[in-house]
Amino acid sequence: MASHHPIMTKDDLTAFLDREFPQMHAGGRTYFVDEIGPLSARMRMTYHERHLRPGGTISGPSMMGLADVALYAAILAHIGPVALAVTTSLNFNFLRKPEPRDLLADCRLLKLGKRLAVGEVSITSEGSPDVVCHATGTYSIPDRR
C-alpha cells in the first residue's frame, strides 16, 4: 500500500509532468502544481481566453482537464512517477459559473490502495471560497512488478 505522506516533492512532480506530458503545455503553460500534502494536492490552471466558452465563463472541458490532472498529481505524489496510472472514471458536478480568472483545484485522496485510488476535487475561482465544480474520480494503478 502507498504511503499517506507524499514521496515526490512539488518540484519532482512538476519535472515528471513536464518530461512525460510535454503536450500538456502546448500553446503555453497552463497547469501548475501549487502544493503537495498528505493525501492531497493543489493545482492551478492559469486564466487564458482559450478556456472561455460563450457567455464569458470558463468552459466545462477546461475544468474537467484541471480536475483530472489534479487527481493524477495527488496520486503520483504518493506512489511515485508511474506514468501508466490511468483514469477509470470521473464524475463532475458544475455548481456555479466560474469567474474568468485562475482556477484552483484542491484534491483529496479518499482511498489509496495497491491497484485503485479514489479522490475528490473541489475547484474554486481564485479569490473566492465558492466551489464552482466538484469532481470525484478513480484511477487504476498498474502492477509495479
N, C-alpha and C. Protein backbone atom coordinates (compact mmCIF):
# COMPACT_ATOMS: atom_id res chain seq x y z
N MET A 1 0.84 -1.18 0.00
CA MET A 1 0.00 0.00 0.00
C MET A 1 0.89 1.25 0.00
N ALA A 2 0.42 2.28 -0.66
CA ALA A 2 1.16 3.53 -0.75
C ALA A 2 1.10 4.29 0.57
N SER A 3 2.06 5.16 0.74
CA SER A 3 2.15 5.96 1.96
C SER A 3 1.09 7.07 1.95
N HIS A 4 0.67 7.47 3.16
CA HIS A 4 -0.25 8.59 3.27
C HIS A 4 0.49 9.92 3.20
N HIS A 5 1.82 9.86 3.13
CA HIS A 5 2.64 11.06 3.01
C HIS A 5 3.26 11.07 1.62
N PRO A 6 3.36 12.23 1.01
CA PRO A 6 3.93 12.29 -0.34
C PRO A 6 5.37 11.83 -0.37
N ILE A 7 5.72 11.18 -1.47
CA ILE A 7 7.11 10.75 -1.66
C ILE A 7 7.78 11.55 -2.78
N MET A 8 6.98 12.34 -3.49
CA MET A 8 7.52 13.25 -4.50
C MET A 8 7.28 14.69 -4.03
N THR A 9 8.26 15.54 -4.27
CA THR A 9 8.09 16.95 -3.94
C THR A 9 7.34 17.64 -5.08
N LYS A 10 6.93 18.86 -4.83
CA LYS A 10 6.28 19.68 -5.86
C LYS A 10 7.18 19.81 -7.08
N ASP A 11 8.48 20.03 -6.86
CA ASP A 11 9.42 20.17 -7.98
C ASP A 11 9.61 18.86 -8.73
N ASP A 12 9.69 17.73 -7.99
CA ASP A 12 9.81 16.41 -8.63
C ASP A 12 8.60 16.15 -9.53
N LEU A 13 7.43 16.43 -9.00
CA LEU A 13 6.20 16.17 -9.73
C LEU A 13 6.11 17.06 -10.97
N THR A 14 6.45 18.33 -10.83
CA THR A 14 6.44 19.24 -11.98
C THR A 14 7.40 18.76 -13.05
N ALA A 15 8.60 18.35 -12.66
CA ALA A 15 9.59 17.87 -13.63
C ALA A 15 9.08 16.61 -14.34
N PHE A 16 8.44 15.69 -13.59
CA PHE A 16 7.89 14.48 -14.18
C PHE A 16 6.81 14.81 -15.20
N LEU A 17 5.87 15.68 -14.83
CA LEU A 17 4.79 16.05 -15.75
C LEU A 17 5.34 16.72 -17.00
N ASP A 18 6.33 17.60 -16.83
CA ASP A 18 6.94 18.28 -17.97
C ASP A 18 7.63 17.29 -18.90
N ARG A 19 8.29 16.30 -18.33
CA ARG A 19 9.04 15.31 -19.12
C ARG A 19 8.10 14.33 -19.82
N GLU A 20 7.11 13.81 -19.10
CA GLU A 20 6.25 12.76 -19.64
C GLU A 20 5.07 13.29 -20.46
N PHE A 21 4.65 14.52 -20.20
CA PHE A 21 3.48 15.09 -20.87
C PHE A 21 3.77 16.49 -21.40
N PRO A 22 4.80 16.64 -22.25
CA PRO A 22 5.13 17.98 -22.75
C PRO A 22 3.97 18.60 -23.54
N GLN A 23 3.13 17.78 -24.14
CA GLN A 23 1.99 18.27 -24.91
C GLN A 23 0.98 19.02 -24.03
N MET A 24 1.04 18.79 -22.73
CA MET A 24 0.14 19.45 -21.79
C MET A 24 0.34 20.97 -21.83
N HIS A 25 1.51 21.41 -22.25
CA HIS A 25 1.83 22.83 -22.26
C HIS A 25 1.80 23.44 -23.67
N ALA A 26 1.21 22.72 -24.63
CA ALA A 26 1.10 23.26 -25.98
C ALA A 26 0.30 24.56 -25.92
N GLY A 27 0.80 25.59 -26.55
CA GLY A 27 0.13 26.88 -26.52
C GLY A 27 0.46 27.70 -25.29
N GLY A 28 1.35 27.20 -24.45
CA GLY A 28 1.75 27.92 -23.23
C GLY A 28 1.37 27.15 -21.98
N ARG A 29 2.20 27.28 -20.97
CA ARG A 29 1.97 26.57 -19.70
C ARG A 29 0.68 27.06 -19.06
N THR A 30 -0.15 26.11 -18.67
CA THR A 30 -1.44 26.41 -18.05
C THR A 30 -1.54 25.82 -16.65
N TYR A 31 -1.02 24.62 -16.46
CA TYR A 31 -1.16 23.90 -15.19
C TYR A 31 0.09 24.03 -14.33
N PHE A 32 -0.14 24.30 -13.06
CA PHE A 32 0.95 24.43 -12.10
C PHE A 32 0.61 23.65 -10.84
N VAL A 33 1.61 22.95 -10.29
CA VAL A 33 1.45 22.29 -9.00
C VAL A 33 1.72 23.35 -7.94
N ASP A 34 0.71 23.71 -7.16
CA ASP A 34 0.89 24.72 -6.11
C ASP A 34 1.34 24.09 -4.80
N GLU A 35 0.75 22.95 -4.43
CA GLU A 35 1.07 22.31 -3.15
C GLU A 35 0.89 20.80 -3.25
N ILE A 36 1.68 20.11 -2.44
CA ILE A 36 1.51 18.67 -2.23
C ILE A 36 1.48 18.47 -0.72
N GLY A 37 0.54 17.68 -0.24
CA GLY A 37 0.44 17.40 1.19
C GLY A 37 0.01 15.97 1.42
N PRO A 38 -0.17 15.59 2.68
CA PRO A 38 -0.64 14.23 2.98
C PRO A 38 -1.98 13.96 2.30
N LEU A 39 -1.99 13.00 1.39
CA LEU A 39 -3.17 12.59 0.63
C LEU A 39 -3.87 13.76 -0.06
N SER A 40 -3.08 14.76 -0.49
CA SER A 40 -3.68 15.93 -1.11
C SER A 40 -2.74 16.60 -2.10
N ALA A 41 -3.34 17.43 -2.95
CA ALA A 41 -2.57 18.26 -3.87
C ALA A 41 -3.42 19.46 -4.25
N ARG A 42 -2.76 20.55 -4.58
CA ARG A 42 -3.46 21.72 -5.12
C ARG A 42 -2.80 22.07 -6.45
N MET A 43 -3.65 22.16 -7.47
CA MET A 43 -3.19 22.55 -8.81
C MET A 43 -3.84 23.88 -9.17
N ARG A 44 -3.17 24.60 -10.03
CA ARG A 44 -3.67 25.88 -10.54
C ARG A 44 -3.74 25.79 -12.06
N MET A 45 -4.83 26.29 -12.61
CA MET A 45 -4.94 26.48 -14.05
C MET A 45 -5.01 27.98 -14.28
N THR A 46 -3.99 28.51 -14.95
CA THR A 46 -3.97 29.95 -15.16
C THR A 46 -5.03 30.34 -16.18
N TYR A 47 -5.59 31.52 -15.96
CA TYR A 47 -6.62 32.03 -16.85
C TYR A 47 -6.04 32.35 -18.22
N HIS A 48 -6.77 31.95 -19.24
CA HIS A 48 -6.44 32.29 -20.62
C HIS A 48 -7.74 32.27 -21.42
N GLU A 49 -7.82 33.11 -22.43
CA GLU A 49 -9.02 33.16 -23.26
C GLU A 49 -9.40 31.82 -23.86
N ARG A 50 -8.40 30.97 -24.11
CA ARG A 50 -8.71 29.67 -24.74
C ARG A 50 -9.57 28.79 -23.84
N HIS A 51 -9.69 29.13 -22.55
CA HIS A 51 -10.52 28.35 -21.62
C HIS A 51 -11.96 28.85 -21.55
N LEU A 52 -12.26 29.94 -22.26
CA LEU A 52 -13.60 30.52 -22.17
C LEU A 52 -14.59 29.83 -23.11
N ARG A 53 -15.85 29.91 -22.72
CA ARG A 53 -16.94 29.46 -23.57
C ARG A 53 -17.84 30.67 -23.78
N PRO A 54 -18.79 30.59 -24.70
CA PRO A 54 -19.72 31.71 -24.87
C PRO A 54 -20.37 32.08 -23.54
N GLY A 55 -20.49 33.37 -23.29
CA GLY A 55 -21.02 33.85 -22.02
C GLY A 55 -19.93 34.32 -21.08
N GLY A 56 -18.65 34.15 -21.49
CA GLY A 56 -17.54 34.67 -20.70
C GLY A 56 -17.18 33.86 -19.47
N THR A 57 -17.52 32.60 -19.45
CA THR A 57 -17.19 31.75 -18.31
C THR A 57 -16.18 30.69 -18.72
N ILE A 58 -15.50 30.13 -17.76
CA ILE A 58 -14.55 29.04 -18.03
C ILE A 58 -15.36 27.81 -18.47
N SER A 59 -14.90 27.14 -19.50
CA SER A 59 -15.63 26.01 -20.06
C SER A 59 -15.56 24.77 -19.17
N GLY A 60 -16.58 23.93 -19.30
CA GLY A 60 -16.60 22.65 -18.59
C GLY A 60 -15.41 21.77 -18.92
N PRO A 61 -15.06 21.61 -20.22
CA PRO A 61 -13.89 20.79 -20.54
C PRO A 61 -12.59 21.29 -19.90
N SER A 62 -12.46 22.61 -19.74
CA SER A 62 -11.26 23.14 -19.08
C SER A 62 -11.23 22.72 -17.61
N MET A 63 -12.38 22.81 -16.94
CA MET A 63 -12.45 22.39 -15.53
C MET A 63 -12.25 20.88 -15.41
N MET A 64 -12.77 20.13 -16.38
CA MET A 64 -12.60 18.68 -16.35
C MET A 64 -11.13 18.30 -16.46
N GLY A 65 -10.41 18.98 -17.36
CA GLY A 65 -8.98 18.72 -17.50
C GLY A 65 -8.21 19.05 -16.24
N LEU A 66 -8.56 20.17 -15.62
CA LEU A 66 -7.90 20.56 -14.37
C LEU A 66 -8.14 19.53 -13.28
N ALA A 67 -9.37 19.07 -13.13
CA ALA A 67 -9.68 18.08 -12.10
C ALA A 67 -8.91 16.78 -12.34
N ASP A 68 -8.84 16.35 -13.59
CA ASP A 68 -8.15 15.12 -13.92
C ASP A 68 -6.66 15.21 -13.61
N VAL A 69 -6.02 16.31 -14.01
CA VAL A 69 -4.58 16.45 -13.76
C VAL A 69 -4.30 16.63 -12.26
N ALA A 70 -5.22 17.27 -11.53
CA ALA A 70 -5.02 17.42 -10.08
C ALA A 70 -5.09 16.07 -9.38
N LEU A 71 -6.03 15.24 -9.78
CA LEU A 71 -6.15 13.90 -9.20
C LEU A 71 -4.91 13.07 -9.54
N TYR A 72 -4.48 13.13 -10.78
CA TYR A 72 -3.28 12.41 -11.21
C TYR A 72 -2.06 12.86 -10.40
N ALA A 73 -1.92 14.18 -10.22
CA ALA A 73 -0.78 14.72 -9.48
C ALA A 73 -0.80 14.26 -8.03
N ALA A 74 -1.96 14.29 -7.39
CA ALA A 74 -2.05 13.85 -5.99
C ALA A 74 -1.66 12.38 -5.86
N ILE A 75 -2.13 11.56 -6.78
CA ILE A 75 -1.81 10.13 -6.73
C ILE A 75 -0.32 9.90 -6.93
N LEU A 76 0.24 10.49 -7.99
CA LEU A 76 1.67 10.28 -8.27
C LEU A 76 2.56 10.79 -7.15
N ALA A 77 2.17 11.88 -6.52
CA ALA A 77 2.96 12.41 -5.41
C ALA A 77 3.11 11.38 -4.30
N HIS A 78 2.14 10.45 -4.22
CA HIS A 78 2.14 9.45 -3.14
C HIS A 78 2.64 8.07 -3.56
N ILE A 79 2.56 7.75 -4.86
CA ILE A 79 3.02 6.43 -5.30
C ILE A 79 4.31 6.50 -6.10
N GLY A 80 4.71 7.70 -6.48
CA GLY A 80 5.92 7.87 -7.28
C GLY A 80 5.58 8.03 -8.75
N PRO A 81 6.60 8.21 -9.58
CA PRO A 81 6.40 8.51 -11.00
C PRO A 81 5.96 7.29 -11.82
N VAL A 82 4.67 7.01 -11.79
CA VAL A 82 4.09 5.87 -12.50
C VAL A 82 3.27 6.44 -13.66
N ALA A 83 3.90 6.60 -14.83
CA ALA A 83 3.24 7.26 -15.95
C ALA A 83 2.00 6.53 -16.42
N LEU A 84 1.93 5.23 -16.22
CA LEU A 84 0.81 4.46 -16.76
C LEU A 84 -0.37 4.31 -15.81
N ALA A 85 -0.40 5.04 -14.72
CA ALA A 85 -1.62 5.11 -13.91
C ALA A 85 -2.66 5.82 -14.78
N VAL A 86 -3.87 5.28 -14.85
CA VAL A 86 -4.86 5.84 -15.78
C VAL A 86 -6.20 6.08 -15.09
N THR A 87 -6.91 7.07 -15.60
CA THR A 87 -8.25 7.39 -15.14
C THR A 87 -9.19 6.26 -15.54
N THR A 88 -9.98 5.78 -14.60
CA THR A 88 -11.01 4.79 -14.94
C THR A 88 -12.40 5.40 -14.86
N SER A 89 -12.58 6.44 -14.04
CA SER A 89 -13.87 7.12 -14.01
C SER A 89 -13.70 8.53 -13.45
N LEU A 90 -14.54 9.43 -13.94
CA LEU A 90 -14.60 10.80 -13.43
C LEU A 90 -16.06 11.22 -13.45
N ASN A 91 -16.50 11.89 -12.39
CA ASN A 91 -17.86 12.40 -12.30
C ASN A 91 -17.77 13.87 -11.91
N PHE A 92 -18.55 14.72 -12.60
CA PHE A 92 -18.48 16.16 -12.38
C PHE A 92 -19.83 16.73 -12.01
N ASN A 93 -19.80 17.65 -11.06
CA ASN A 93 -20.96 18.47 -10.73
C ASN A 93 -20.53 19.92 -10.90
N PHE A 94 -21.14 20.60 -11.88
CA PHE A 94 -20.85 22.01 -12.11
C PHE A 94 -21.84 22.80 -11.28
N LEU A 95 -21.34 23.53 -10.29
CA LEU A 95 -22.18 24.13 -9.27
C LEU A 95 -22.51 25.60 -9.50
N ARG A 96 -21.60 26.33 -10.07
CA ARG A 96 -21.86 27.75 -10.34
C ARG A 96 -20.87 28.23 -11.40
N LYS A 97 -21.15 29.38 -11.96
CA LYS A 97 -20.34 29.95 -13.02
C LYS A 97 -18.98 30.40 -12.48
N PRO A 98 -17.90 29.85 -13.00
CA PRO A 98 -16.58 30.31 -12.57
C PRO A 98 -16.24 31.65 -13.19
N GLU A 99 -15.56 32.46 -12.42
CA GLU A 99 -15.12 33.76 -12.91
C GLU A 99 -13.98 33.57 -13.91
N PRO A 100 -13.81 34.51 -14.85
CA PRO A 100 -12.70 34.41 -15.80
C PRO A 100 -11.38 34.81 -15.14
N ARG A 101 -10.86 33.92 -14.32
CA ARG A 101 -9.57 34.11 -13.64
C ARG A 101 -8.99 32.73 -13.34
N ASP A 102 -7.83 32.68 -12.72
CA ASP A 102 -7.22 31.39 -12.40
C ASP A 102 -8.19 30.52 -11.61
N LEU A 103 -8.12 29.22 -11.87
CA LEU A 103 -8.89 28.26 -11.09
C LEU A 103 -7.95 27.45 -10.22
N LEU A 104 -8.39 27.13 -9.01
CA LEU A 104 -7.63 26.31 -8.08
C LEU A 104 -8.37 25.00 -7.87
N ALA A 105 -7.63 23.92 -7.94
CA ALA A 105 -8.20 22.58 -7.74
C ALA A 105 -7.57 21.96 -6.51
N ASP A 106 -8.38 21.77 -5.48
CA ASP A 106 -7.92 21.11 -4.26
C ASP A 106 -8.36 19.66 -4.31
N CYS A 107 -7.38 18.77 -4.33
CA CYS A 107 -7.66 17.34 -4.43
C CYS A 107 -7.36 16.65 -3.11
N ARG A 108 -8.26 15.76 -2.74
CA ARG A 108 -8.09 14.96 -1.53
C ARG A 108 -8.28 13.50 -1.92
N LEU A 109 -7.31 12.67 -1.59
CA LEU A 109 -7.42 11.24 -1.87
C LEU A 109 -8.22 10.57 -0.76
N LEU A 110 -9.24 9.84 -1.15
CA LEU A 110 -10.12 9.15 -0.21
C LEU A 110 -9.67 7.72 0.03
N LYS A 111 -9.09 7.10 -1.00
CA LYS A 111 -8.56 5.73 -0.90
C LYS A 111 -7.32 5.66 -1.77
N LEU A 112 -6.28 5.13 -1.22
CA LEU A 112 -5.04 4.95 -1.96
C LEU A 112 -4.57 3.53 -1.73
N GLY A 113 -5.01 2.64 -2.61
CA GLY A 113 -4.66 1.23 -2.49
C GLY A 113 -3.57 0.82 -3.45
N LYS A 114 -3.34 -0.49 -3.54
CA LYS A 114 -2.31 -1.01 -4.45
C LYS A 114 -2.73 -0.88 -5.91
N ARG A 115 -4.02 -1.07 -6.19
CA ARG A 115 -4.50 -1.11 -7.58
C ARG A 115 -5.43 0.04 -7.95
N LEU A 116 -6.09 0.65 -6.95
CA LEU A 116 -7.03 1.73 -7.22
C LEU A 116 -6.80 2.91 -6.27
N ALA A 117 -7.03 4.09 -6.80
CA ALA A 117 -7.01 5.30 -6.00
C ALA A 117 -8.30 6.06 -6.30
N VAL A 118 -8.94 6.56 -5.25
CA VAL A 118 -10.18 7.31 -5.39
C VAL A 118 -9.98 8.67 -4.72
N GLY A 119 -10.43 9.71 -5.39
CA GLY A 119 -10.27 11.04 -4.82
C GLY A 119 -11.38 11.97 -5.22
N GLU A 120 -11.37 13.14 -4.59
CA GLU A 120 -12.32 14.18 -4.92
C GLU A 120 -11.56 15.48 -5.15
N VAL A 121 -12.13 16.32 -6.01
CA VAL A 121 -11.51 17.59 -6.35
C VAL A 121 -12.56 18.69 -6.24
N SER A 122 -12.22 19.74 -5.53
CA SER A 122 -13.06 20.93 -5.45
C SER A 122 -12.34 22.06 -6.17
N ILE A 123 -13.03 22.65 -7.14
CA ILE A 123 -12.44 23.72 -7.94
C ILE A 123 -13.11 25.04 -7.56
N THR A 124 -12.27 26.04 -7.31
CA THR A 124 -12.74 27.39 -6.99
C THR A 124 -12.06 28.40 -7.91
N SER A 125 -12.71 29.54 -8.09
CA SER A 125 -12.06 30.66 -8.77
C SER A 125 -11.14 31.33 -7.76
N GLU A 126 -9.94 31.70 -8.19
CA GLU A 126 -9.01 32.34 -7.28
C GLU A 126 -9.67 33.56 -6.63
N GLY A 127 -9.52 33.65 -5.31
CA GLY A 127 -10.07 34.77 -4.57
C GLY A 127 -11.49 34.55 -4.06
N SER A 128 -12.09 33.41 -4.37
CA SER A 128 -13.44 33.11 -3.92
C SER A 128 -13.47 31.75 -3.24
N PRO A 129 -14.18 31.63 -2.12
CA PRO A 129 -14.28 30.34 -1.45
C PRO A 129 -15.34 29.41 -2.06
N ASP A 130 -16.16 29.94 -2.97
CA ASP A 130 -17.26 29.16 -3.53
C ASP A 130 -16.77 28.10 -4.51
N VAL A 131 -17.19 26.88 -4.30
CA VAL A 131 -16.83 25.77 -5.20
C VAL A 131 -17.64 25.91 -6.49
N VAL A 132 -16.94 25.94 -7.63
CA VAL A 132 -17.61 26.05 -8.92
C VAL A 132 -17.81 24.68 -9.56
N CYS A 133 -16.96 23.73 -9.20
CA CYS A 133 -17.06 22.38 -9.75
C CYS A 133 -16.56 21.40 -8.70
N HIS A 134 -17.28 20.30 -8.53
CA HIS A 134 -16.85 19.22 -7.64
C HIS A 134 -16.75 17.96 -8.48
N ALA A 135 -15.64 17.27 -8.36
CA ALA A 135 -15.41 16.06 -9.14
C ALA A 135 -14.96 14.92 -8.24
N THR A 136 -15.34 13.72 -8.62
CA THR A 136 -14.81 12.52 -7.98
C THR A 136 -14.23 11.65 -9.08
N GLY A 137 -13.19 10.92 -8.74
CA GLY A 137 -12.57 10.09 -9.76
C GLY A 137 -11.84 8.91 -9.19
N THR A 138 -11.65 7.92 -10.06
CA THR A 138 -10.92 6.70 -9.73
C THR A 138 -9.83 6.50 -10.76
N TYR A 139 -8.66 6.13 -10.29
CA TYR A 139 -7.52 5.82 -11.15
C TYR A 139 -7.12 4.37 -10.92
N SER A 140 -6.72 3.71 -11.99
CA SER A 140 -6.15 2.37 -11.92
C SER A 140 -4.64 2.52 -11.84
N ILE A 141 -4.04 1.84 -10.86
CA ILE A 141 -2.58 1.89 -10.68
C ILE A 141 -2.01 0.58 -11.19
N PRO A 142 -1.09 0.64 -12.15
CA PRO A 142 -0.55 -0.61 -12.72
C PRO A 142 0.30 -1.37 -11.69
N ASP A 143 0.33 -2.67 -11.90
CA ASP A 143 1.18 -3.54 -11.08
C ASP A 143 2.63 -3.13 -11.33
N ARG A 144 3.38 -2.94 -10.27
CA ARG A 144 4.77 -2.45 -10.41
C ARG A 144 5.80 -3.58 -10.44
N ARG A 145 5.35 -4.80 -10.68
CA ARG A 145 6.30 -5.91 -10.76
C ARG A 145 7.09 -5.87 -12.03
